[in-house]
Amino acid sequence: MSLISYIAIAYGVACVGVIGFQLALIAGAPLGPLTQGGKHKGALPPAGRIAAFVSIFVIAAMACGVMSAAGLWPQWPNWTKWVALTVQSLVAVLNWITPSKPERALWGPLESVMLVLAALVVFSA
């Protein structure tokens, strides 16, 4: 396997971790300060849980697009890697500018690392 393959796997593993966080939100974990702008002190309300549910599919698609670009997933259209990189860029920026200090402290660095991983794969494929 190539270095790019390992980088894509690292991105995929990070996506699985983020999906795990979304599942915890859906299940009612009191993680409100770490997501969605930190507006909720405990568990998310139903609308926030629906957003977390939708996020799972977006994150999974991003992982598939990046892993496909590295040749690790059944071939998806080439444009999916660019969509994944664009969404990852947006997510990284939003997590750095969120009003929630705990959310910014956790997700800003993590999403930035994920952005670098995705960019390495996309621009090398």
N, C-alpha and C. Protein backbone atom coordinates (compact mmCIF):
# COMPACT_ATOMS: atom_id res chain seq x y z
N MET A 1 0.84 -1.19 0.00
CA MET A 1 0.00 0.00 0.00
C MET A 1 0.88 1.25 0.00
N SER A 2 0.37 2.27 -0.63
CA SER A 2 1.12 3.52 -0.72
C SER A 2 0.87 4.41 0.49
N LEU A 3 1.69 5.42 0.63
CA LEU A 3 1.52 6.39 1.71
C LEU A 3 0.14 7.06 1.61
N ILE A 4 -0.29 7.38 0.39
CA ILE A 4 -1.59 8.01 0.19
C ILE A 4 -2.71 7.09 0.68
N SER A 5 -2.55 5.80 0.48
CA SER A 5 -3.56 4.85 0.98
C SER A 5 -3.66 4.92 2.49
N TYR A 6 -2.52 4.98 3.17
CA TYR A 6 -2.53 5.08 4.63
C TYR A 6 -3.14 6.41 5.10
N ILE A 7 -2.86 7.46 4.37
CA ILE A 7 -3.44 8.76 4.71
C ILE A 7 -4.96 8.72 4.54
N ALA A 8 -5.42 8.09 3.45
CA ALA A 8 -6.85 7.96 3.24
C ALA A 8 -7.50 7.11 4.32
N ILE A 9 -6.82 6.06 4.75
CA ILE A 9 -7.35 5.23 5.84
C ILE A 9 -7.43 6.04 7.12
N ALA A 10 -6.42 6.85 7.40
CA ALA A 10 -6.45 7.70 8.59
C ALA A 10 -7.65 8.65 8.53
N TYR A 11 -7.91 9.21 7.35
CA TYR A 11 -9.07 10.07 7.19
C TYR A 11 -10.36 9.29 7.44
N GLY A 12 -10.44 8.09 6.89
CA GLY A 12 -11.62 7.26 7.10
C GLY A 12 -11.83 6.91 8.57
N VAL A 13 -10.76 6.61 9.26
CA VAL A 13 -10.86 6.30 10.70
C VAL A 13 -11.35 7.53 11.47
N ALA A 14 -10.83 8.70 11.13
CA ALA A 14 -11.29 9.93 11.78
C ALA A 14 -12.78 10.14 11.51
N CYS A 15 -13.21 9.86 10.28
CA CYS A 15 -14.64 10.00 9.96
C CYS A 15 -15.48 9.03 10.80
N VAL A 16 -14.98 7.82 11.00
CA VAL A 16 -15.70 6.87 11.83
C VAL A 16 -15.82 7.41 13.26
N GLY A 17 -14.77 8.03 13.76
CA GLY A 17 -14.82 8.64 15.09
C GLY A 17 -15.85 9.75 15.17
N VAL A 18 -15.91 10.59 14.13
CA VAL A 18 -16.89 11.68 14.11
C VAL A 18 -18.31 11.10 14.02
N ILE A 19 -18.48 10.05 13.26
CA ILE A 19 -19.78 9.39 13.19
C ILE A 19 -20.16 8.83 14.55
N GLY A 20 -19.21 8.28 15.27
CA GLY A 20 -19.47 7.80 16.63
C GLY A 20 -19.95 8.92 17.54
N PHE A 21 -19.36 10.10 17.39
CA PHE A 21 -19.80 11.26 18.16
C PHE A 21 -21.23 11.62 17.80
N GLN A 22 -21.56 11.59 16.51
CA GLN A 22 -22.93 11.90 16.07
C GLN A 22 -23.92 10.88 16.64
N LEU A 23 -23.52 9.62 16.67
CA LEU A 23 -24.39 8.59 17.25
C LEU A 23 -24.62 8.84 18.74
N ALA A 24 -23.58 9.28 19.43
CA ALA A 24 -23.73 9.62 20.85
C ALA A 24 -24.71 10.78 21.03
N LEU A 25 -24.64 11.77 20.15
CA LEU A 25 -25.58 12.89 20.21
C LEU A 25 -27.01 12.41 20.00
N ILE A 26 -27.20 11.55 19.01
CA ILE A 26 -28.53 11.02 18.72
C ILE A 26 -29.07 10.25 19.92
N ALA A 27 -28.18 9.52 20.59
CA ALA A 27 -28.58 8.70 21.74
C ALA A 27 -28.86 9.54 22.99
N GLY A 28 -28.58 10.83 22.92
CA GLY A 28 -28.89 11.70 24.05
C GLY A 28 -27.74 12.02 24.98
N ALA A 29 -26.52 11.75 24.56
CA ALA A 29 -25.37 12.10 25.39
C ALA A 29 -25.36 13.62 25.61
N PRO A 30 -25.00 14.05 26.81
CA PRO A 30 -25.02 15.49 27.13
C PRO A 30 -23.80 16.23 26.58
N LEU A 31 -23.69 16.26 25.26
CA LEU A 31 -22.53 16.84 24.59
C LEU A 31 -22.87 18.12 23.85
N GLY A 32 -23.98 18.74 24.19
CA GLY A 32 -24.43 19.95 23.53
C GLY A 32 -23.38 21.05 23.42
N PRO A 33 -22.59 21.30 24.48
CA PRO A 33 -21.58 22.36 24.38
C PRO A 33 -20.50 22.11 23.33
N LEU A 34 -20.39 20.85 22.85
CA LEU A 34 -19.35 20.49 21.90
C LEU A 34 -19.83 20.45 20.45
N THR A 35 -21.06 20.90 20.22
CA THR A 35 -21.60 20.81 18.87
C THR A 35 -22.65 21.87 18.60
N GLN A 36 -22.90 22.12 17.34
CA GLN A 36 -23.96 23.01 16.90
C GLN A 36 -23.91 24.39 17.58
N GLY A 37 -22.71 24.91 17.69
CA GLY A 37 -22.53 26.23 18.26
C GLY A 37 -22.59 26.28 19.77
N GLY A 38 -22.68 25.13 20.42
CA GLY A 38 -22.73 25.08 21.89
C GLY A 38 -23.99 25.66 22.48
N LYS A 39 -25.07 25.73 21.69
CA LYS A 39 -26.32 26.35 22.15
C LYS A 39 -27.02 25.54 23.24
N HIS A 40 -26.74 24.27 23.32
CA HIS A 40 -27.46 23.39 24.24
C HIS A 40 -26.53 22.92 25.35
N LYS A 41 -26.99 23.06 26.59
CA LYS A 41 -26.14 22.73 27.74
C LYS A 41 -25.99 21.23 27.94
N GLY A 42 -26.99 20.45 27.62
CA GLY A 42 -26.95 19.00 27.83
C GLY A 42 -27.14 18.27 26.51
N ALA A 43 -28.13 17.38 26.51
CA ALA A 43 -28.45 16.63 25.30
C ALA A 43 -29.10 17.55 24.27
N LEU A 44 -28.97 17.20 23.02
CA LEU A 44 -29.58 17.98 21.96
C LEU A 44 -31.09 17.76 21.93
N PRO A 45 -31.84 18.78 21.52
CA PRO A 45 -33.27 18.60 21.31
C PRO A 45 -33.50 17.78 20.04
N PRO A 46 -34.74 17.39 19.77
CA PRO A 46 -35.00 16.55 18.59
C PRO A 46 -34.45 17.12 17.28
N ALA A 47 -34.59 18.40 17.04
CA ALA A 47 -34.08 18.99 15.78
C ALA A 47 -32.57 18.84 15.69
N GLY A 48 -31.87 19.00 16.79
CA GLY A 48 -30.42 18.83 16.81
C GLY A 48 -30.01 17.38 16.57
N ARG A 49 -30.81 16.46 17.06
CA ARG A 49 -30.52 15.04 16.84
C ARG A 49 -30.77 14.65 15.38
N ILE A 50 -31.76 15.27 14.77
CA ILE A 50 -32.01 15.02 13.35
C ILE A 50 -30.82 15.53 12.52
N ALA A 51 -30.32 16.70 12.89
CA ALA A 51 -29.14 17.24 12.19
C ALA A 51 -27.95 16.29 12.35
N ALA A 52 -27.78 15.73 13.54
CA ALA A 52 -26.69 14.77 13.78
C ALA A 52 -26.89 13.53 12.92
N PHE A 53 -28.13 13.09 12.78
CA PHE A 53 -28.44 11.92 11.95
C PHE A 53 -28.07 12.18 10.49
N VAL A 54 -28.46 13.32 9.98
CA VAL A 54 -28.15 13.68 8.59
C VAL A 54 -26.63 13.78 8.41
N SER A 55 -25.95 14.31 9.42
CA SER A 55 -24.50 14.46 9.35
C SER A 55 -23.79 13.12 9.13
N ILE A 56 -24.35 12.07 9.68
CA ILE A 56 -23.73 10.75 9.53
C ILE A 56 -23.59 10.40 8.06
N PHE A 57 -24.62 10.65 7.28
CA PHE A 57 -24.58 10.30 5.87
C PHE A 57 -23.62 11.20 5.09
N VAL A 58 -23.55 12.45 5.47
CA VAL A 58 -22.62 13.38 4.82
C VAL A 58 -21.18 12.96 5.11
N ILE A 59 -20.90 12.65 6.36
CA ILE A 59 -19.55 12.25 6.76
C ILE A 59 -19.16 10.94 6.08
N ALA A 60 -20.08 9.99 6.04
CA ALA A 60 -19.79 8.70 5.39
C ALA A 60 -19.51 8.91 3.90
N ALA A 61 -20.28 9.77 3.26
CA ALA A 61 -20.05 10.04 1.83
C ALA A 61 -18.70 10.71 1.62
N MET A 62 -18.33 11.61 2.52
CA MET A 62 -17.02 12.26 2.41
C MET A 62 -15.90 11.23 2.53
N ALA A 63 -16.03 10.33 3.50
CA ALA A 63 -15.02 9.28 3.67
C ALA A 63 -14.92 8.42 2.42
N CYS A 64 -16.06 8.06 1.86
CA CYS A 64 -16.05 7.23 0.65
C CYS A 64 -15.42 7.97 -0.53
N GLY A 65 -15.72 9.26 -0.67
CA GLY A 65 -15.14 10.03 -1.76
C GLY A 65 -13.63 10.12 -1.67
N VAL A 66 -13.12 10.35 -0.46
CA VAL A 66 -11.67 10.45 -0.26
C VAL A 66 -11.01 9.09 -0.43
N MET A 67 -11.61 8.07 0.15
CA MET A 67 -11.02 6.73 0.03
C MET A 67 -11.07 6.22 -1.41
N SER A 68 -12.12 6.58 -2.14
CA SER A 68 -12.20 6.23 -3.55
C SER A 68 -11.08 6.91 -4.34
N ALA A 69 -10.80 8.15 -4.01
CA ALA A 69 -9.72 8.88 -4.69
C ALA A 69 -8.38 8.19 -4.49
N ALA A 70 -8.22 7.51 -3.37
CA ALA A 70 -6.98 6.79 -3.09
C ALA A 70 -7.00 5.37 -3.63
N GLY A 71 -8.10 5.00 -4.26
CA GLY A 71 -8.21 3.65 -4.83
C GLY A 71 -8.58 2.59 -3.82
N LEU A 72 -9.10 3.00 -2.67
CA LEU A 72 -9.42 2.05 -1.60
C LEU A 72 -10.90 1.70 -1.52
N TRP A 73 -11.68 2.29 -2.36
CA TRP A 73 -13.12 2.11 -2.30
C TRP A 73 -13.58 1.88 -3.73
N PRO A 74 -14.67 1.20 -3.94
CA PRO A 74 -15.14 1.10 -5.33
C PRO A 74 -15.17 2.50 -5.95
N GLN A 75 -14.77 2.58 -7.17
CA GLN A 75 -14.59 3.88 -7.82
C GLN A 75 -15.85 4.72 -7.84
N TRP A 76 -15.78 5.85 -7.17
CA TRP A 76 -16.84 6.85 -7.20
C TRP A 76 -16.46 7.87 -8.25
N PRO A 77 -17.40 8.66 -8.74
CA PRO A 77 -17.05 9.70 -9.71
C PRO A 77 -15.97 10.62 -9.14
N ASN A 78 -15.10 11.09 -10.01
CA ASN A 78 -13.98 11.93 -9.60
C ASN A 78 -14.42 13.19 -8.85
N TRP A 79 -15.57 13.74 -9.19
CA TRP A 79 -16.03 14.98 -8.55
C TRP A 79 -16.32 14.79 -7.07
N THR A 80 -16.57 13.55 -6.63
CA THR A 80 -16.92 13.35 -5.21
C THR A 80 -15.76 13.70 -4.28
N LYS A 81 -14.52 13.50 -4.76
CA LYS A 81 -13.39 13.86 -3.91
C LYS A 81 -13.33 15.37 -3.70
N TRP A 82 -13.71 16.13 -4.74
CA TRP A 82 -13.69 17.59 -4.63
C TRP A 82 -14.81 18.09 -3.73
N VAL A 83 -15.95 17.44 -3.81
CA VAL A 83 -17.05 17.81 -2.90
C VAL A 83 -16.65 17.50 -1.46
N ALA A 84 -16.06 16.35 -1.24
CA ALA A 84 -15.60 15.98 0.10
C ALA A 84 -14.60 17.00 0.63
N LEU A 85 -13.65 17.39 -0.20
CA LEU A 85 -12.64 18.37 0.23
C LEU A 85 -13.28 19.72 0.51
N THR A 86 -14.22 20.13 -0.31
CA THR A 86 -14.90 21.40 -0.11
C THR A 86 -15.69 21.41 1.19
N VAL A 87 -16.46 20.34 1.43
CA VAL A 87 -17.24 20.25 2.66
C VAL A 87 -16.31 20.19 3.87
N GLN A 88 -15.23 19.42 3.76
CA GLN A 88 -14.28 19.33 4.87
C GLN A 88 -13.67 20.69 5.18
N SER A 89 -13.39 21.47 4.14
CA SER A 89 -12.86 22.82 4.34
C SER A 89 -13.86 23.70 5.08
N LEU A 90 -15.09 23.63 4.64
CA LEU A 90 -16.15 24.41 5.28
C LEU A 90 -16.33 24.01 6.74
N VAL A 91 -16.34 22.73 7.00
CA VAL A 91 -16.51 22.23 8.38
C VAL A 91 -15.35 22.71 9.25
N ALA A 92 -14.13 22.66 8.74
CA ALA A 92 -12.97 23.11 9.52
C ALA A 92 -13.11 24.60 9.87
N VAL A 93 -13.47 25.40 8.88
CA VAL A 93 -13.62 26.84 9.14
C VAL A 93 -14.73 27.09 10.16
N LEU A 94 -15.87 26.44 9.97
CA LEU A 94 -16.99 26.65 10.89
C LEU A 94 -16.64 26.25 12.33
N ASN A 95 -15.82 25.21 12.47
CA ASN A 95 -15.45 24.79 13.82
C ASN A 95 -14.42 25.71 14.46
N TRP A 96 -13.70 26.48 13.66
CA TRP A 96 -12.78 27.47 14.22
C TRP A 96 -13.49 28.77 14.58
N ILE A 97 -14.63 29.05 13.96
CA ILE A 97 -15.31 30.32 14.23
C ILE A 97 -16.56 30.16 15.10
N THR A 98 -16.83 28.95 15.57
CA THR A 98 -17.99 28.73 16.41
C THR A 98 -17.89 29.56 17.70
N PRO A 99 -19.02 30.04 18.22
CA PRO A 99 -18.98 30.78 19.47
C PRO A 99 -18.67 29.91 20.69
N SER A 100 -18.79 28.60 20.55
CA SER A 100 -18.55 27.69 21.66
C SER A 100 -17.06 27.40 21.81
N LYS A 101 -16.49 27.85 22.92
CA LYS A 101 -15.06 27.61 23.16
C LYS A 101 -14.73 26.12 23.26
N PRO A 102 -15.54 25.31 23.97
CA PRO A 102 -15.24 23.87 24.01
C PRO A 102 -15.32 23.21 22.62
N GLU A 103 -16.30 23.62 21.83
CA GLU A 103 -16.43 23.07 20.48
C GLU A 103 -15.22 23.46 19.64
N ARG A 104 -14.81 24.70 19.74
CA ARG A 104 -13.65 25.20 18.99
C ARG A 104 -12.39 24.46 19.40
N ALA A 105 -12.23 24.23 20.70
CA ALA A 105 -11.03 23.56 21.20
C ALA A 105 -10.93 22.11 20.75
N LEU A 106 -12.06 21.43 20.67
CA LEU A 106 -12.07 20.03 20.25
C LEU A 106 -12.05 19.88 18.74
N TRP A 107 -13.01 20.49 18.09
CA TRP A 107 -13.23 20.23 16.67
C TRP A 107 -12.35 21.07 15.74
N GLY A 108 -11.93 22.24 16.16
CA GLY A 108 -11.05 23.05 15.30
C GLY A 108 -9.80 22.29 14.90
N PRO A 109 -9.02 21.82 15.87
CA PRO A 109 -7.81 21.07 15.51
C PRO A 109 -8.11 19.75 14.79
N LEU A 110 -9.10 19.01 15.27
CA LEU A 110 -9.40 17.72 14.66
C LEU A 110 -9.85 17.88 13.21
N GLU A 111 -10.76 18.80 12.96
CA GLU A 111 -11.24 19.00 11.59
C GLU A 111 -10.14 19.58 10.70
N SER A 112 -9.21 20.33 11.26
CA SER A 112 -8.09 20.84 10.48
C SER A 112 -7.16 19.70 10.07
N VAL A 113 -6.90 18.78 10.97
CA VAL A 113 -6.09 17.61 10.62
C VAL A 113 -6.80 16.80 9.55
N MET A 114 -8.10 16.63 9.70
CA MET A 114 -8.87 15.90 8.69
C MET A 114 -8.80 16.61 7.34
N LEU A 115 -8.82 17.92 7.36
CA LEU A 115 -8.70 18.69 6.12
C LEU A 115 -7.36 18.44 5.44
N VAL A 116 -6.29 18.44 6.22
CA VAL A 116 -4.96 18.18 5.65
C VAL A 116 -4.90 16.77 5.07
N LEU A 117 -5.44 15.80 5.79
CA LEU A 117 -5.45 14.42 5.29
C LEU A 117 -6.21 14.33 3.97
N ALA A 118 -7.40 14.92 3.94
CA ALA A 118 -8.22 14.88 2.72
C ALA A 118 -7.51 15.58 1.57
N ALA A 119 -6.91 16.72 1.85
CA ALA A 119 -6.21 17.47 0.80
C ALA A 119 -5.03 16.69 0.25
N LEU A 120 -4.28 16.03 1.11
CA LEU A 120 -3.16 15.22 0.64
C LEU A 120 -3.62 14.15 -0.33
N VAL A 121 -4.73 13.51 0.00
CA VAL A 121 -5.24 12.45 -0.87
C VAL A 121 -5.78 13.04 -2.18
N VAL A 122 -6.61 14.06 -2.06
CA VAL A 122 -7.27 14.63 -3.25
C VAL A 122 -6.25 15.20 -4.23
N PHE A 123 -5.27 15.92 -3.72
CA PHE A 123 -4.32 16.56 -4.63
C PHE A 123 -3.25 15.60 -5.14
N SER A 124 -3.17 14.41 -4.58
CA SER A 124 -2.20 13.43 -5.09
C SER A 124 -2.86 12.42 -6.02
N ALA A 125 -4.18 12.38 -6.00
CA ALA A 125 -4.89 11.36 -6.82
C ALA A 125 -5.10 11.85 -8.24
